[in-house]
N, C-alpha and C. Protein backbone atom coordinates (compact mmCIF):
# COMPACT_ATOMS: atom_id res chain seq x y z
N UNK A 1 16.06 -51.39 -16.81
CA UNK A 1 14.87 -50.56 -17.01
C UNK A 1 14.51 -50.58 -18.50
N UNK A 2 13.21 -50.76 -18.82
CA UNK A 2 12.83 -50.82 -20.24
C UNK A 2 12.96 -49.45 -20.90
N UNK A 3 13.31 -49.49 -22.18
CA UNK A 3 13.51 -48.25 -22.93
C UNK A 3 12.15 -47.72 -23.40
N UNK A 4 11.87 -46.42 -23.15
CA UNK A 4 10.60 -45.83 -23.56
C UNK A 4 10.88 -44.62 -24.44
N UNK A 5 9.93 -44.32 -25.30
CA UNK A 5 10.06 -43.15 -26.17
C UNK A 5 9.11 -42.06 -25.68
N UNK A 6 9.54 -40.83 -25.79
CA UNK A 6 8.73 -39.68 -25.37
C UNK A 6 8.04 -39.08 -26.58
N UNK A 7 6.74 -38.90 -26.50
CA UNK A 7 6.01 -38.27 -27.60
C UNK A 7 5.56 -36.86 -27.27
N UNK A 8 5.35 -36.56 -25.99
CA UNK A 8 4.98 -35.20 -25.60
C UNK A 8 5.37 -34.97 -24.14
N UNK A 9 5.06 -33.79 -23.63
CA UNK A 9 5.45 -33.44 -22.26
C UNK A 9 4.73 -34.29 -21.22
N UNK A 10 3.54 -34.80 -21.52
CA UNK A 10 2.83 -35.65 -20.56
C UNK A 10 3.63 -36.92 -20.27
N UNK A 11 4.24 -37.50 -21.33
CA UNK A 11 5.07 -38.69 -21.12
C UNK A 11 6.27 -38.38 -20.25
N UNK A 12 6.85 -37.21 -20.44
CA UNK A 12 8.00 -36.81 -19.64
C UNK A 12 7.61 -36.66 -18.17
N UNK A 13 6.42 -36.11 -17.92
CA UNK A 13 5.94 -35.97 -16.54
C UNK A 13 5.71 -37.32 -15.89
N UNK A 14 5.15 -38.27 -16.65
CA UNK A 14 4.91 -39.60 -16.10
C UNK A 14 6.23 -40.31 -15.84
N UNK A 15 7.21 -40.09 -16.70
CA UNK A 15 8.50 -40.72 -16.53
C UNK A 15 9.24 -40.16 -15.32
N UNK A 16 9.02 -38.85 -15.05
CA UNK A 16 9.72 -38.20 -13.94
C UNK A 16 9.14 -38.57 -12.58
N UNK A 17 7.96 -39.08 -12.54
CA UNK A 17 7.42 -39.46 -11.24
C UNK A 17 5.92 -39.34 -11.16
N UNK A 18 5.26 -39.39 -12.28
CA UNK A 18 3.81 -39.39 -12.26
C UNK A 18 3.17 -38.02 -12.12
N UNK A 19 3.89 -36.95 -12.34
CA UNK A 19 3.31 -35.61 -12.23
C UNK A 19 2.39 -35.37 -13.42
N UNK A 20 1.32 -34.64 -13.19
CA UNK A 20 0.37 -34.33 -14.26
C UNK A 20 0.95 -33.23 -15.15
N UNK A 21 0.44 -33.08 -16.37
CA UNK A 21 0.98 -32.05 -17.25
C UNK A 21 0.77 -30.63 -16.71
N UNK A 22 -0.23 -30.40 -15.85
CA UNK A 22 -0.48 -29.08 -15.31
C UNK A 22 0.48 -28.73 -14.19
N UNK A 23 1.21 -29.70 -13.69
CA UNK A 23 2.11 -29.44 -12.56
C UNK A 23 3.47 -29.00 -13.08
N UNK A 24 4.01 -28.00 -12.43
CA UNK A 24 5.34 -27.52 -12.76
C UNK A 24 6.17 -27.66 -11.51
N UNK A 25 7.32 -28.25 -11.62
CA UNK A 25 8.14 -28.48 -10.45
C UNK A 25 9.06 -27.29 -10.24
N UNK A 26 8.94 -26.66 -9.07
CA UNK A 26 9.81 -25.55 -8.68
C UNK A 26 10.64 -26.03 -7.52
N UNK A 27 11.89 -26.36 -7.79
CA UNK A 27 12.73 -26.94 -6.74
C UNK A 27 12.27 -28.35 -6.47
N UNK A 28 11.90 -28.65 -5.21
CA UNK A 28 11.38 -29.97 -4.86
C UNK A 28 9.87 -29.95 -4.67
N UNK A 29 9.27 -28.74 -4.69
CA UNK A 29 7.84 -28.63 -4.42
C UNK A 29 7.08 -28.43 -5.73
N UNK A 30 6.15 -29.34 -6.08
CA UNK A 30 5.38 -29.12 -7.32
C UNK A 30 4.39 -27.98 -7.14
N UNK A 31 4.29 -27.13 -8.16
CA UNK A 31 3.36 -26.00 -8.16
C UNK A 31 2.29 -26.30 -9.21
N UNK A 32 1.03 -26.32 -8.79
CA UNK A 32 -0.07 -26.63 -9.70
C UNK A 32 -0.64 -25.33 -10.25
N UNK A 33 -0.70 -25.23 -11.57
CA UNK A 33 -1.31 -24.06 -12.21
C UNK A 33 -2.79 -24.31 -12.41
N UNK A 34 -3.58 -23.28 -12.15
CA UNK A 34 -5.01 -23.40 -12.40
C UNK A 34 -5.41 -22.30 -13.38
N UNK A 35 -6.08 -22.67 -14.45
CA UNK A 35 -6.54 -21.69 -15.42
C UNK A 35 -5.44 -21.28 -16.38
N UNK A 36 -5.76 -20.29 -17.24
CA UNK A 36 -4.76 -19.84 -18.22
C UNK A 36 -3.65 -19.06 -17.54
N UNK A 37 -2.46 -19.03 -18.15
CA UNK A 37 -1.36 -18.29 -17.53
C UNK A 37 -1.66 -16.80 -17.52
N UNK A 38 -1.27 -16.14 -16.44
CA UNK A 38 -1.53 -14.71 -16.30
C UNK A 38 -0.61 -13.93 -17.25
N UNK A 39 -1.13 -12.83 -17.82
CA UNK A 39 -0.25 -12.03 -18.69
C UNK A 39 0.89 -11.43 -17.88
N UNK A 40 2.01 -11.22 -18.55
CA UNK A 40 3.18 -10.72 -17.85
C UNK A 40 3.00 -9.28 -17.39
N UNK A 41 2.17 -8.50 -18.10
CA UNK A 41 1.98 -7.10 -17.76
C UNK A 41 0.51 -6.82 -17.53
N UNK A 42 0.26 -5.73 -16.82
CA UNK A 42 -1.12 -5.30 -16.58
C UNK A 42 -1.48 -4.16 -17.51
N UNK A 43 -2.78 -3.99 -17.70
CA UNK A 43 -3.27 -2.88 -18.51
C UNK A 43 -3.04 -1.58 -17.75
N UNK A 44 -2.46 -0.58 -18.43
CA UNK A 44 -2.18 0.70 -17.80
C UNK A 44 -3.06 1.77 -18.42
N UNK A 45 -4.08 2.22 -17.66
CA UNK A 45 -5.01 3.23 -18.15
C UNK A 45 -5.06 4.40 -17.18
N UNK A 46 -5.40 5.60 -17.71
CA UNK A 46 -5.57 6.75 -16.84
C UNK A 46 -7.03 6.86 -16.40
N UNK A 47 -7.40 7.96 -15.75
CA UNK A 47 -8.75 8.12 -15.21
C UNK A 47 -9.82 8.15 -16.30
N UNK A 48 -9.46 8.61 -17.51
CA UNK A 48 -10.43 8.67 -18.62
C UNK A 48 -10.47 7.38 -19.44
N UNK A 49 -9.76 6.35 -19.03
CA UNK A 49 -9.76 5.08 -19.75
C UNK A 49 -8.86 5.08 -20.97
N UNK A 50 -7.84 5.94 -20.97
CA UNK A 50 -6.91 6.04 -22.10
C UNK A 50 -5.56 5.44 -21.71
N UNK A 51 -4.85 4.98 -22.72
CA UNK A 51 -3.47 4.52 -22.51
C UNK A 51 -2.55 5.61 -23.04
N UNK A 52 -1.52 5.95 -22.27
CA UNK A 52 -0.58 7.01 -22.65
C UNK A 52 0.79 6.44 -22.90
N UNK A 53 1.47 6.99 -23.89
CA UNK A 53 2.86 6.59 -24.16
C UNK A 53 3.58 7.74 -24.86
N UNK A 54 4.90 7.70 -24.77
CA UNK A 54 5.74 8.69 -25.44
C UNK A 54 6.52 7.99 -26.54
N UNK A 55 6.51 8.58 -27.74
CA UNK A 55 7.27 8.03 -28.86
C UNK A 55 8.35 9.00 -29.28
N UNK A 56 9.48 8.49 -29.71
CA UNK A 56 10.59 9.35 -30.11
C UNK A 56 11.20 8.83 -31.41
N UNK A 57 11.64 9.78 -32.25
CA UNK A 57 12.35 9.45 -33.49
C UNK A 57 13.11 10.68 -33.92
N UNK A 58 14.41 10.55 -34.17
CA UNK A 58 15.28 11.67 -34.49
C UNK A 58 15.14 12.74 -33.41
N UNK A 59 14.75 13.96 -33.77
CA UNK A 59 14.57 15.02 -32.76
C UNK A 59 13.11 15.18 -32.36
N UNK A 60 12.22 14.36 -32.88
CA UNK A 60 10.78 14.51 -32.62
C UNK A 60 10.36 13.72 -31.39
N UNK A 61 9.46 14.31 -30.62
CA UNK A 61 8.89 13.65 -29.43
C UNK A 61 7.38 13.73 -29.54
N UNK A 62 6.71 12.59 -29.42
CA UNK A 62 5.24 12.55 -29.53
C UNK A 62 4.66 12.01 -28.24
N UNK A 63 3.66 12.72 -27.71
CA UNK A 63 2.90 12.23 -26.56
C UNK A 63 1.58 11.71 -27.10
N UNK A 64 1.28 10.42 -26.86
CA UNK A 64 0.16 9.75 -27.52
C UNK A 64 -0.80 9.18 -26.48
N UNK A 65 -2.10 9.44 -26.69
CA UNK A 65 -3.17 8.83 -25.89
C UNK A 65 -4.07 8.06 -26.84
N UNK A 66 -4.39 6.80 -26.51
CA UNK A 66 -5.34 6.04 -27.32
C UNK A 66 -6.48 5.57 -26.42
N UNK A 67 -7.67 5.49 -27.04
CA UNK A 67 -8.85 4.97 -26.35
C UNK A 67 -9.73 4.31 -27.39
N UNK A 68 -10.62 3.42 -27.01
CA UNK A 68 -11.50 2.77 -27.98
C UNK A 68 -12.36 3.82 -28.68
N UNK A 69 -12.54 3.65 -29.98
CA UNK A 69 -13.32 4.62 -30.73
C UNK A 69 -13.52 4.19 -32.17
N UNK A 70 -13.56 5.19 -33.06
CA UNK A 70 -13.89 4.94 -34.46
C UNK A 70 -12.68 4.98 -35.38
N UNK A 71 -11.50 5.23 -34.87
CA UNK A 71 -10.30 5.25 -35.69
C UNK A 71 -9.83 6.65 -36.06
N UNK A 72 -10.33 7.67 -35.37
CA UNK A 72 -9.94 9.05 -35.66
C UNK A 72 -8.58 9.33 -35.04
N UNK A 73 -7.67 9.89 -35.85
CA UNK A 73 -6.33 10.23 -35.38
C UNK A 73 -6.17 11.74 -35.45
N UNK A 74 -5.91 12.37 -34.29
CA UNK A 74 -5.74 13.81 -34.20
C UNK A 74 -4.32 14.12 -33.75
N UNK A 75 -3.64 14.96 -34.54
CA UNK A 75 -2.26 15.33 -34.24
C UNK A 75 -2.19 16.83 -34.07
N UNK A 76 -1.77 17.28 -32.90
CA UNK A 76 -1.67 18.71 -32.58
C UNK A 76 -2.97 19.45 -32.90
N UNK A 77 -4.11 18.83 -32.60
CA UNK A 77 -5.41 19.46 -32.81
C UNK A 77 -5.91 19.39 -34.24
N UNK A 78 -5.16 18.78 -35.15
CA UNK A 78 -5.58 18.68 -36.55
C UNK A 78 -5.73 17.22 -36.94
N UNK A 79 -6.57 16.96 -37.94
CA UNK A 79 -6.78 15.61 -38.45
C UNK A 79 -5.49 15.12 -39.11
N UNK A 80 -5.29 13.80 -39.15
CA UNK A 80 -4.06 13.25 -39.73
C UNK A 80 -3.92 13.59 -41.20
N UNK A 81 -5.05 13.70 -41.93
CA UNK A 81 -4.97 14.03 -43.35
C UNK A 81 -4.46 15.44 -43.58
N UNK A 82 -4.72 16.34 -42.63
CA UNK A 82 -4.27 17.72 -42.75
C UNK A 82 -2.82 17.84 -42.29
N UNK A 83 -2.50 17.23 -41.14
CA UNK A 83 -1.16 17.38 -40.57
C UNK A 83 -0.12 16.66 -41.41
N UNK A 84 -0.39 15.39 -41.75
CA UNK A 84 0.51 14.61 -42.60
C UNK A 84 -0.13 14.49 -43.97
N UNK A 85 0.17 15.42 -44.85
CA UNK A 85 -0.46 15.45 -46.17
C UNK A 85 0.02 14.30 -47.05
N UNK A 86 1.25 13.85 -46.86
CA UNK A 86 1.78 12.75 -47.66
C UNK A 86 1.17 11.43 -47.22
N UNK A 87 0.75 10.63 -48.18
CA UNK A 87 0.12 9.34 -47.88
C UNK A 87 1.10 8.38 -47.21
N UNK A 88 2.40 8.48 -47.55
CA UNK A 88 3.38 7.57 -46.96
C UNK A 88 3.50 7.80 -45.45
N UNK A 89 3.39 9.05 -45.02
CA UNK A 89 3.48 9.33 -43.59
C UNK A 89 2.25 8.80 -42.85
N UNK A 90 1.09 8.87 -43.49
CA UNK A 90 -0.12 8.31 -42.87
C UNK A 90 -0.03 6.80 -42.78
N UNK A 91 0.59 6.16 -43.79
CA UNK A 91 0.80 4.71 -43.75
C UNK A 91 1.71 4.33 -42.58
N UNK A 92 2.74 5.14 -42.36
CA UNK A 92 3.67 4.88 -41.25
C UNK A 92 2.93 4.91 -39.92
N UNK A 93 2.06 5.91 -39.76
CA UNK A 93 1.32 6.06 -38.51
C UNK A 93 0.38 4.89 -38.26
N UNK A 94 -0.23 4.37 -39.32
CA UNK A 94 -1.23 3.31 -39.16
C UNK A 94 -0.63 1.90 -39.10
N UNK A 95 0.68 1.76 -39.27
CA UNK A 95 1.31 0.44 -39.26
C UNK A 95 1.05 -0.37 -37.99
N UNK A 96 1.15 0.22 -36.79
CA UNK A 96 0.90 -0.60 -35.59
C UNK A 96 -0.52 -1.17 -35.55
N UNK A 97 -1.50 -0.41 -36.03
CA UNK A 97 -2.88 -0.91 -36.04
C UNK A 97 -3.05 -2.01 -37.08
N UNK A 98 -2.39 -1.89 -38.23
CA UNK A 98 -2.51 -2.89 -39.29
C UNK A 98 -1.92 -4.22 -38.84
N UNK A 99 -0.79 -4.17 -38.14
CA UNK A 99 -0.08 -5.39 -37.77
C UNK A 99 -0.86 -6.23 -36.75
N UNK A 100 -1.71 -5.57 -35.94
CA UNK A 100 -2.48 -6.30 -34.92
C UNK A 100 -3.96 -6.37 -35.26
N UNK A 101 -4.34 -6.01 -36.49
CA UNK A 101 -5.73 -6.05 -36.96
C UNK A 101 -6.66 -5.25 -36.06
N UNK A 102 -6.27 -4.03 -35.73
CA UNK A 102 -7.11 -3.16 -34.90
C UNK A 102 -7.39 -1.83 -35.62
N UNK A 103 -7.33 -1.83 -36.94
CA UNK A 103 -7.55 -0.60 -37.71
C UNK A 103 -8.99 -0.12 -37.50
N UNK A 104 -9.15 1.16 -37.17
CA UNK A 104 -10.46 1.74 -36.98
C UNK A 104 -11.11 1.44 -35.65
N UNK A 105 -10.37 0.88 -34.71
CA UNK A 105 -10.96 0.53 -33.41
C UNK A 105 -10.53 1.47 -32.29
N UNK A 106 -9.51 2.30 -32.53
CA UNK A 106 -9.01 3.19 -31.49
C UNK A 106 -8.95 4.62 -32.00
N UNK A 107 -9.29 5.56 -31.13
CA UNK A 107 -9.08 6.97 -31.39
C UNK A 107 -7.72 7.35 -30.82
N UNK A 108 -6.98 8.16 -31.57
CA UNK A 108 -5.64 8.57 -31.16
C UNK A 108 -5.60 10.08 -31.07
N UNK A 109 -5.14 10.59 -29.94
CA UNK A 109 -4.89 12.02 -29.77
C UNK A 109 -3.42 12.15 -29.41
N UNK A 110 -2.69 12.97 -30.16
CA UNK A 110 -1.28 13.11 -29.84
C UNK A 110 -0.80 14.53 -30.09
N UNK A 111 0.21 14.90 -29.34
CA UNK A 111 0.92 16.15 -29.56
C UNK A 111 2.35 15.78 -29.89
N UNK A 112 2.87 16.41 -30.93
CA UNK A 112 4.21 16.09 -31.38
C UNK A 112 4.96 17.39 -31.63
N UNK A 113 6.25 17.39 -31.25
CA UNK A 113 7.06 18.58 -31.44
C UNK A 113 8.48 18.18 -31.75
N UNK A 114 9.18 19.08 -32.44
CA UNK A 114 10.57 18.85 -32.80
C UNK A 114 10.71 18.05 -34.07
N UNK A 115 11.85 18.21 -34.72
CA UNK A 115 12.14 17.43 -35.91
C UNK A 115 11.32 17.84 -37.11
N UNK A 116 11.40 17.03 -38.17
CA UNK A 116 10.62 17.26 -39.38
C UNK A 116 9.43 16.32 -39.44
N UNK A 117 8.72 16.38 -40.55
CA UNK A 117 7.50 15.57 -40.67
C UNK A 117 7.80 14.07 -40.63
N UNK A 118 8.87 13.64 -41.25
CA UNK A 118 9.19 12.21 -41.26
C UNK A 118 9.54 11.73 -39.85
N UNK A 119 10.34 12.49 -39.13
CA UNK A 119 10.67 12.13 -37.76
C UNK A 119 9.45 12.16 -36.86
N UNK A 120 8.56 13.13 -37.09
CA UNK A 120 7.34 13.21 -36.29
C UNK A 120 6.43 12.02 -36.55
N UNK A 121 6.33 11.59 -37.80
CA UNK A 121 5.52 10.41 -38.12
C UNK A 121 6.10 9.17 -37.44
N UNK A 122 7.41 9.03 -37.45
CA UNK A 122 8.05 7.90 -36.77
C UNK A 122 7.83 7.94 -35.27
N UNK A 123 7.85 9.16 -34.69
CA UNK A 123 7.62 9.31 -33.26
C UNK A 123 6.18 8.94 -32.90
N UNK A 124 5.22 9.35 -33.73
CA UNK A 124 3.82 9.01 -33.48
C UNK A 124 3.62 7.50 -33.59
N UNK A 125 4.26 6.87 -34.59
CA UNK A 125 4.16 5.41 -34.74
C UNK A 125 4.71 4.71 -33.51
N UNK A 126 5.86 5.16 -33.02
CA UNK A 126 6.47 4.56 -31.83
C UNK A 126 5.55 4.73 -30.62
N UNK A 127 4.95 5.93 -30.47
CA UNK A 127 4.04 6.17 -29.35
C UNK A 127 2.78 5.33 -29.43
N UNK A 128 2.22 5.18 -30.63
CA UNK A 128 1.01 4.37 -30.80
C UNK A 128 1.31 2.92 -30.44
N UNK A 129 2.46 2.41 -30.89
CA UNK A 129 2.82 1.02 -30.58
C UNK A 129 2.98 0.82 -29.07
N UNK A 130 3.62 1.79 -28.40
CA UNK A 130 3.79 1.69 -26.94
C UNK A 130 2.43 1.73 -26.24
N UNK A 131 1.55 2.65 -26.68
CA UNK A 131 0.25 2.79 -26.04
C UNK A 131 -0.62 1.56 -26.29
N UNK A 132 -0.53 0.98 -27.49
CA UNK A 132 -1.29 -0.24 -27.78
C UNK A 132 -0.88 -1.37 -26.85
N UNK A 133 0.42 -1.50 -26.61
CA UNK A 133 0.88 -2.57 -25.73
C UNK A 133 0.48 -2.32 -24.28
N UNK A 134 0.25 -1.06 -23.92
CA UNK A 134 -0.24 -0.77 -22.57
C UNK A 134 -1.74 -0.98 -22.47
N UNK A 135 -2.47 -0.70 -23.55
CA UNK A 135 -3.93 -0.88 -23.53
C UNK A 135 -4.29 -2.36 -23.61
N UNK A 136 -3.62 -3.10 -24.50
CA UNK A 136 -3.84 -4.54 -24.64
C UNK A 136 -2.50 -5.26 -24.48
N UNK A 137 -2.13 -5.65 -23.27
CA UNK A 137 -0.82 -6.28 -23.05
C UNK A 137 -0.61 -7.56 -23.87
N UNK A 138 -1.69 -8.22 -24.29
CA UNK A 138 -1.54 -9.44 -25.08
C UNK A 138 -0.97 -9.15 -26.47
N UNK A 139 -1.09 -7.91 -26.94
CA UNK A 139 -0.59 -7.54 -28.26
C UNK A 139 0.90 -7.21 -28.25
N UNK A 140 1.49 -7.12 -27.07
CA UNK A 140 2.88 -6.67 -26.96
C UNK A 140 3.84 -7.52 -27.79
N UNK A 141 3.70 -8.84 -27.75
CA UNK A 141 4.63 -9.70 -28.47
C UNK A 141 4.54 -9.49 -29.98
N UNK A 142 3.33 -9.26 -30.49
CA UNK A 142 3.16 -9.03 -31.93
C UNK A 142 3.79 -7.72 -32.35
N UNK A 143 3.54 -6.66 -31.55
CA UNK A 143 4.08 -5.34 -31.88
C UNK A 143 5.60 -5.34 -31.73
N UNK A 144 6.09 -6.04 -30.72
CA UNK A 144 7.54 -6.09 -30.49
C UNK A 144 8.23 -6.87 -31.60
N UNK A 145 7.61 -7.97 -32.04
CA UNK A 145 8.20 -8.77 -33.11
C UNK A 145 8.30 -7.97 -34.41
N UNK A 146 7.38 -7.04 -34.62
CA UNK A 146 7.44 -6.18 -35.81
C UNK A 146 8.48 -5.08 -35.67
N UNK A 147 9.02 -4.89 -34.47
CA UNK A 147 10.06 -3.91 -34.24
C UNK A 147 9.56 -2.51 -33.96
N UNK A 148 8.28 -2.36 -33.61
CA UNK A 148 7.70 -1.04 -33.40
C UNK A 148 7.95 -0.50 -32.00
N UNK A 149 8.33 -1.34 -31.05
CA UNK A 149 8.57 -0.86 -29.68
C UNK A 149 10.00 -0.37 -29.49
N UNK A 150 10.87 -0.68 -30.43
CA UNK A 150 12.26 -0.28 -30.33
C UNK A 150 12.43 1.14 -30.84
N UNK A 151 13.04 1.99 -30.02
CA UNK A 151 13.28 3.37 -30.42
C UNK A 151 14.44 3.39 -31.40
N UNK A 152 14.24 4.01 -32.57
CA UNK A 152 15.30 4.08 -33.58
C UNK A 152 16.35 5.07 -33.10
N UNK A 153 17.55 4.65 -32.78
CA UNK A 153 18.53 5.55 -32.16
C UNK A 153 19.25 6.47 -33.14
N UNK A 154 18.99 6.32 -34.44
CA UNK A 154 19.74 7.11 -35.42
C UNK A 154 19.35 8.58 -35.36
N UNK A 155 20.33 9.44 -35.20
CA UNK A 155 20.10 10.88 -35.19
C UNK A 155 21.15 11.52 -36.10
N UNK A 156 20.94 12.78 -36.44
CA UNK A 156 21.86 13.49 -37.32
C UNK A 156 23.18 13.71 -36.59
N UNK A 157 24.28 13.42 -37.29
CA UNK A 157 25.60 13.61 -36.71
C UNK A 157 25.94 15.10 -36.66
N UNK A 158 26.61 15.53 -35.61
CA UNK A 158 26.91 16.95 -35.45
C UNK A 158 27.99 17.40 -36.41
N UNK A 159 27.98 18.68 -36.72
CA UNK A 159 28.98 19.27 -37.59
C UNK A 159 30.29 19.42 -36.83
N UNK A 160 31.41 19.09 -37.50
CA UNK A 160 32.73 19.23 -36.88
C UNK A 160 33.40 20.49 -37.41
N UNK A 161 34.27 21.08 -36.58
CA UNK A 161 35.01 22.26 -37.03
C UNK A 161 36.03 21.82 -38.07
N UNK A 162 36.34 22.71 -39.00
CA UNK A 162 37.28 22.39 -40.07
C UNK A 162 36.65 21.56 -41.17
N UNK A 163 35.34 21.35 -41.11
CA UNK A 163 34.62 20.57 -42.12
C UNK A 163 33.42 21.37 -42.61
N UNK A 164 32.96 21.07 -43.82
CA UNK A 164 31.79 21.76 -44.36
C UNK A 164 30.52 21.27 -43.69
N UNK A 165 30.44 19.96 -43.46
CA UNK A 165 29.31 19.37 -42.74
C UNK A 165 29.89 18.41 -41.71
N UNK A 166 29.16 17.34 -41.37
CA UNK A 166 29.67 16.42 -40.36
C UNK A 166 30.96 15.73 -40.83
N UNK A 167 31.00 15.31 -42.08
CA UNK A 167 32.18 14.60 -42.60
C UNK A 167 32.71 15.20 -43.89
N UNK A 168 31.91 15.98 -44.58
CA UNK A 168 32.29 16.56 -45.86
C UNK A 168 33.37 17.62 -45.67
N UNK A 169 34.44 17.49 -46.45
CA UNK A 169 35.51 18.50 -46.38
C UNK A 169 35.18 19.67 -47.30
N UNK A 170 35.86 20.77 -47.07
CA UNK A 170 35.71 21.90 -47.97
C UNK A 170 36.35 21.53 -49.31
N UNK A 171 35.92 22.19 -50.38
CA UNK A 171 36.44 21.87 -51.70
C UNK A 171 37.92 22.19 -51.78
N UNK A 172 38.68 21.25 -52.29
CA UNK A 172 40.12 21.43 -52.40
C UNK A 172 40.46 22.30 -53.61
N UNK A 173 41.34 23.27 -53.43
CA UNK A 173 41.77 24.11 -54.52
C UNK A 173 43.28 23.94 -54.68
N UNK A 174 43.70 23.48 -55.87
CA UNK A 174 45.12 23.27 -56.09
C UNK A 174 45.84 24.60 -56.27
N UNK A 175 45.17 25.60 -56.86
CA UNK A 175 45.78 26.92 -57.07
C UNK A 175 44.87 27.99 -56.53
């Protein structure tokens, strides 16, 4: 048999038995794909056309709804500038939109409770990333690659008896 070189998948298909590049062999039966591949997930929207997700960070839990709009973010009935006065916390919240180039295209309404402001900002970020992937499933790989869909499992360690804090001992006195 003459030696041939493979330059792309079409050559491999011809070498295997003349199958076209659109054909995928499943077992012994070739399956022909027509059109673009279907997304792995479907868009999940409620009756009002919003995507809902829950975000968590430390002790904070955020319930987040996103819908197409002008980019207004409302947290517990207040604007993001009022609720998160620190600019760094507002940057954290807007990270999922920046990574997928959707800044100013979605309105966000969320309720957040528990934890401190930093944990709440992380919870809102996690919820926005989850809701974005439900509203536009094609964005899921980008958001996941940035690490925004992974819940940060770090929480405060509990205080132990016989200790001042979780690990700190009481001050030693020699006399």
